[in-house]
Amino acid sequence: MMIENMIWGGILVMLMLALFLRIRLAFWVMMGLPCPSWAPF
């Protein structure tokens, strides 16, 4: 269930970013979103 929610969340974020950015740029922004949360560890 958690993996499925993560996938749907990623799709929704991608769609929202694609409204304002080019699709390729939106993809890379979406891929980079988890990185700041990994930095403290």
PDB file of N, CA and C in Angstrom:
ATOM      1  N   MET A   1       0.825  -1.191   0.000  1.00  0.00           N
ATOM      2  CA  MET A   1       0.000   0.000   0.000  1.00  0.00           C
ATOM      3  C   MET A   1       0.874   1.261   0.000  1.00  0.00           C
ATOM      4  N   MET A   2       1.943   1.230   0.769  1.00  0.00           N
ATOM      5  CA  MET A   2       2.816   2.405   0.849  1.00  0.00           C
ATOM      6  C   MET A   2       3.489   2.672  -0.502  1.00  0.00           C
ATOM      7  N   ILE A   3       3.926   1.618  -1.175  1.00  0.00           N
ATOM      8  CA  ILE A   3       4.573   1.770  -2.486  1.00  0.00           C
ATOM      9  C   ILE A   3       3.574   2.318  -3.495  1.00  0.00           C
ATOM     10  N   GLU A   4       2.357   1.806  -3.448  1.00  0.00           N
ATOM     11  CA  GLU A   4       1.332   2.281  -4.374  1.00  0.00           C
ATOM     12  C   GLU A   4       1.035   3.765  -4.147  1.00  0.00           C
ATOM     13  N   ASN A   5       0.964   4.183  -2.895  1.00  0.00           N
ATOM     14  CA  ASN A   5       0.746   5.600  -2.593  1.00  0.00           C
ATOM     15  C   ASN A   5       1.906   6.453  -3.076  1.00  0.00           C
ATOM     16  N   MET A   6       3.130   5.935  -2.949  1.00  0.00           N
ATOM     17  CA  MET A   6       4.307   6.672  -3.409  1.00  0.00           C
ATOM     18  C   MET A   6       4.261   6.850  -4.930  1.00  0.00           C
ATOM     19  N   ILE A   7       3.858   5.815  -5.635  1.00  0.00           N
ATOM     20  CA  ILE A   7       3.785   5.892  -7.093  1.00  0.00           C
ATOM     21  C   ILE A   7       2.722   6.904  -7.524  1.00  0.00           C
ATOM     22  N   TRP A   8       1.535   6.819  -6.914  1.00  0.00           N
ATOM     23  CA  TRP A   8       0.469   7.765  -7.261  1.00  0.00           C
ATOM     24  C   TRP A   8       0.859   9.193  -6.889  1.00  0.00           C
ATOM     25  N   GLY A   9       1.520   9.371  -5.765  1.00  0.00           N
ATOM     26  CA  GLY A   9       1.991  10.693  -5.372  1.00  0.00           C
ATOM     27  C   GLY A   9       2.985  11.251  -6.376  1.00  0.00           C
ATOM     28  N   GLY A  10       3.901  10.411  -6.833  1.00  0.00           N
ATOM     29  CA  GLY A  10       4.870  10.840  -7.842  1.00  0.00           C
ATOM     30  C   GLY A  10       4.203  11.231  -9.148  1.00  0.00           C
ATOM     31  N   ILE A  11       3.197  10.478  -9.539  1.00  0.00           N
ATOM     32  CA  ILE A  11       2.466  10.802 -10.772  1.00  0.00           C
ATOM     33  C   ILE A  11       1.751  12.143 -10.633  1.00  0.00           C
ATOM     34  N   LEU A  12       1.110  12.362  -9.486  1.00  0.00           N
ATOM     35  CA  LEU A  12       0.400  13.625  -9.271  1.00  0.00           C
ATOM     36  C   LEU A  12       1.349  14.814  -9.233  1.00  0.00           C
ATOM     37  N   VAL A  13       2.502  14.641  -8.580  1.00  0.00           N
ATOM     38  CA  VAL A  13       3.496  15.715  -8.542  1.00  0.00           C
ATOM     39  C   VAL A  13       4.002  15.998  -9.948  1.00  0.00           C
ATOM     40  N   MET A  14       4.251  14.959 -10.714  1.00  0.00           N
ATOM     41  CA  MET A  14       4.721  15.117 -12.088  1.00  0.00           C
ATOM     42  C   MET A  14       3.701  15.888 -12.926  1.00  0.00           C
ATOM     43  N   LEU A  15       2.431  15.547 -12.782  1.00  0.00           N
ATOM     44  CA  LEU A  15       1.394  16.244 -13.545  1.00  0.00           C
ATOM     45  C   LEU A  15       1.291  17.716 -13.147  1.00  0.00           C
ATOM     46  N   MET A  16       1.377  17.988 -11.854  1.00  0.00           N
ATOM     47  CA  MET A  16       1.290  19.374 -11.408  1.00  0.00           C
ATOM     48  C   MET A  16       2.499  20.187 -11.889  1.00  0.00           C
ATOM     49  N   LEU A  17       3.684  19.591 -11.833  1.00  0.00           N
ATOM     50  CA  LEU A  17       4.871  20.296 -12.339  1.00  0.00           C
ATOM     51  C   LEU A  17       4.786  20.503 -13.843  1.00  0.00           C
ATOM     52  N   ALA A  18       4.221  19.519 -14.549  1.00  0.00           N
ATOM     53  CA  ALA A  18       4.127  19.617 -16.006  1.00  0.00           C
ATOM     54  C   ALA A  18       3.187  20.738 -16.437  1.00  0.00           C
ATOM     55  N   LEU A  19       2.288  21.150 -15.558  1.00  0.00           N
ATOM     56  CA  LEU A  19       1.411  22.274 -15.896  1.00  0.00           C
ATOM     57  C   LEU A  19       2.203  23.573 -16.034  1.00  0.00           C
ATOM     58  N   PHE A  20       3.287  23.691 -15.268  1.00  0.00           N
ATOM     59  CA  PHE A  20       4.031  24.948 -15.224  1.00  0.00           C
ATOM     60  C   PHE A  20       5.412  24.863 -15.873  1.00  0.00           C
ATOM     61  N   LEU A  21       5.930  23.657 -16.049  1.00  0.00           N
ATOM     62  CA  LEU A  21       7.266  23.478 -16.629  1.00  0.00           C
ATOM     63  C   LEU A  21       7.166  22.574 -17.848  1.00  0.00           C
ATOM     64  N   ARG A  22       8.255  22.513 -18.603  1.00  0.00           N
ATOM     65  CA  ARG A  22       8.319  21.520 -19.677  1.00  0.00           C
ATOM     66  C   ARG A  22       8.354  20.132 -19.062  1.00  0.00           C
ATOM     67  N   ILE A  23       7.906  19.140 -19.796  1.00  0.00           N
ATOM     68  CA  ILE A  23       7.742  17.792 -19.244  1.00  0.00           C
ATOM     69  C   ILE A  23       9.077  17.188 -18.804  1.00  0.00           C
ATOM     70  N   ARG A  24      10.143  17.400 -19.574  1.00  0.00           N
ATOM     71  CA  ARG A  24      11.447  16.845 -19.187  1.00  0.00           C
ATOM     72  C   ARG A  24      11.981  17.520 -17.931  1.00  0.00           C
ATOM     73  N   LEU A  25      11.819  18.817 -17.841  1.00  0.00           N
ATOM     74  CA  LEU A  25      12.256  19.542 -16.659  1.00  0.00           C
ATOM     75  C   LEU A  25      11.429  19.120 -15.441  1.00  0.00           C
ATOM     76  N   ALA A  26      10.133  18.945 -15.638  1.00  0.00           N
ATOM     77  CA  ALA A  26       9.264  18.497 -14.549  1.00  0.00           C
ATOM     78  C   ALA A  26       9.700  17.129 -14.040  1.00  0.00           C
ATOM     79  N   PHE A  27      10.105  16.246 -14.946  1.00  0.00           N
ATOM     80  CA  PHE A  27      10.569  14.916 -14.547  1.00  0.00           C
ATOM     81  C   PHE A  27      11.805  15.010 -13.663  1.00  0.00           C
ATOM     82  N   TRP A  28      12.779  15.826 -14.061  1.00  0.00           N
ATOM     83  CA  TRP A  28      14.012  15.915 -13.283  1.00  0.00           C
ATOM     84  C   TRP A  28      13.800  16.620 -11.951  1.00  0.00           C
ATOM     85  N   VAL A  29      12.902  17.595 -11.922  1.00  0.00           N
ATOM     86  CA  VAL A  29      12.570  18.232 -10.646  1.00  0.00           C
ATOM     87  C   VAL A  29      11.934  17.207  -9.717  1.00  0.00           C
ATOM     88  N   MET A  30      11.023  16.388 -10.246  1.00  0.00           N
ATOM     89  CA  MET A  30      10.364  15.356  -9.446  1.00  0.00           C
ATOM     90  C   MET A  30      11.386  14.339  -8.919  1.00  0.00           C
ATOM     91  N   MET A  31      12.360  13.977  -9.736  1.00  0.00           N
ATOM     92  CA  MET A  31      13.369  13.007  -9.313  1.00  0.00           C
ATOM     93  C   MET A  31      14.265  13.581  -8.220  1.00  0.00           C
ATOM     94  N   GLY A  32      14.459  14.895  -8.214  1.00  0.00           N
ATOM     95  CA  GLY A  32      15.330  15.517  -7.232  1.00  0.00           C
ATOM     96  C   GLY A  32      14.636  15.882  -5.922  1.00  0.00           C
ATOM     97  N   LEU A  33      13.328  15.773  -5.857  1.00  0.00           N
ATOM     98  CA  LEU A  33      12.610  16.173  -4.651  1.00  0.00           C
ATOM     99  C   LEU A  33      13.003  15.386  -3.394  1.00  0.00           C
ATOM    100  N   PRO A  34      13.228  14.088  -3.438  1.00  0.00           N
ATOM    101  CA  PRO A  34      13.585  13.372  -2.203  1.00  0.00           C
ATOM    102  C   PRO A  34      15.001  13.687  -1.697  1.00  0.00           C
ATOM    103  N   CYS A  35      15.870  14.193  -2.523  1.00  0.00           N
ATOM    104  CA  CYS A  35      17.265  14.404  -2.148  1.00  0.00           C
ATOM    105  C   CYS A  35      17.458  15.312  -0.919  1.00  0.00           C
ATOM    106  N   PRO A  36      16.758  16.421  -0.785  1.00  0.00           N
ATOM    107  CA  PRO A  36      16.957  17.268   0.396  1.00  0.00           C
ATOM    108  C   PRO A  36      16.603  16.554   1.712  1.00  0.00           C
ATOM    109  N   SER A  37      15.689  15.625   1.670  1.00  0.00           N
ATOM    110  CA  SER A  37      15.339  14.903   2.902  1.00  0.00           C
ATOM    111  C   SER A  37      16.405  13.874   3.260  1.00  0.00           C
ATOM    112  N   TRP A  38      17.226  13.472   2.316  1.00  0.00           N
ATOM    113  CA  TRP A  38      18.300  12.512   2.590  1.00  0.00           C
ATOM    114  C   TRP A  38      19.538  13.199   3.145  1.00  0.00           C
ATOM    115  N   ALA A  39      19.683  14.504   2.935  1.00  0.00           N
ATOM    116  CA  ALA A  39      20.901  15.216   3.304  1.00  0.00           C
ATOM    117  C   ALA A  39      21.260  15.114   4.787  1.00  0.00           C
ATOM    118  N   PRO A  40      20.323  15.216   5.726  1.00  0.00           N
ATOM    119  CA  PRO A  40      20.717  15.137   7.138  1.00  0.00           C
ATOM    120  C   PRO A  40      21.248  13.763   7.555  1.00  0.00           C
ATOM    121  N   PHE A  41      20.937  12.739   6.787  1.00  0.00           N
ATOM    122  CA  PHE A  41      21.366  11.404   7.165  1.00  0.00           C
ATOM    123  C   PHE A  41      22.662  11.087   6.488  1.00  0.00           C
TER     124      PHE A  41
END
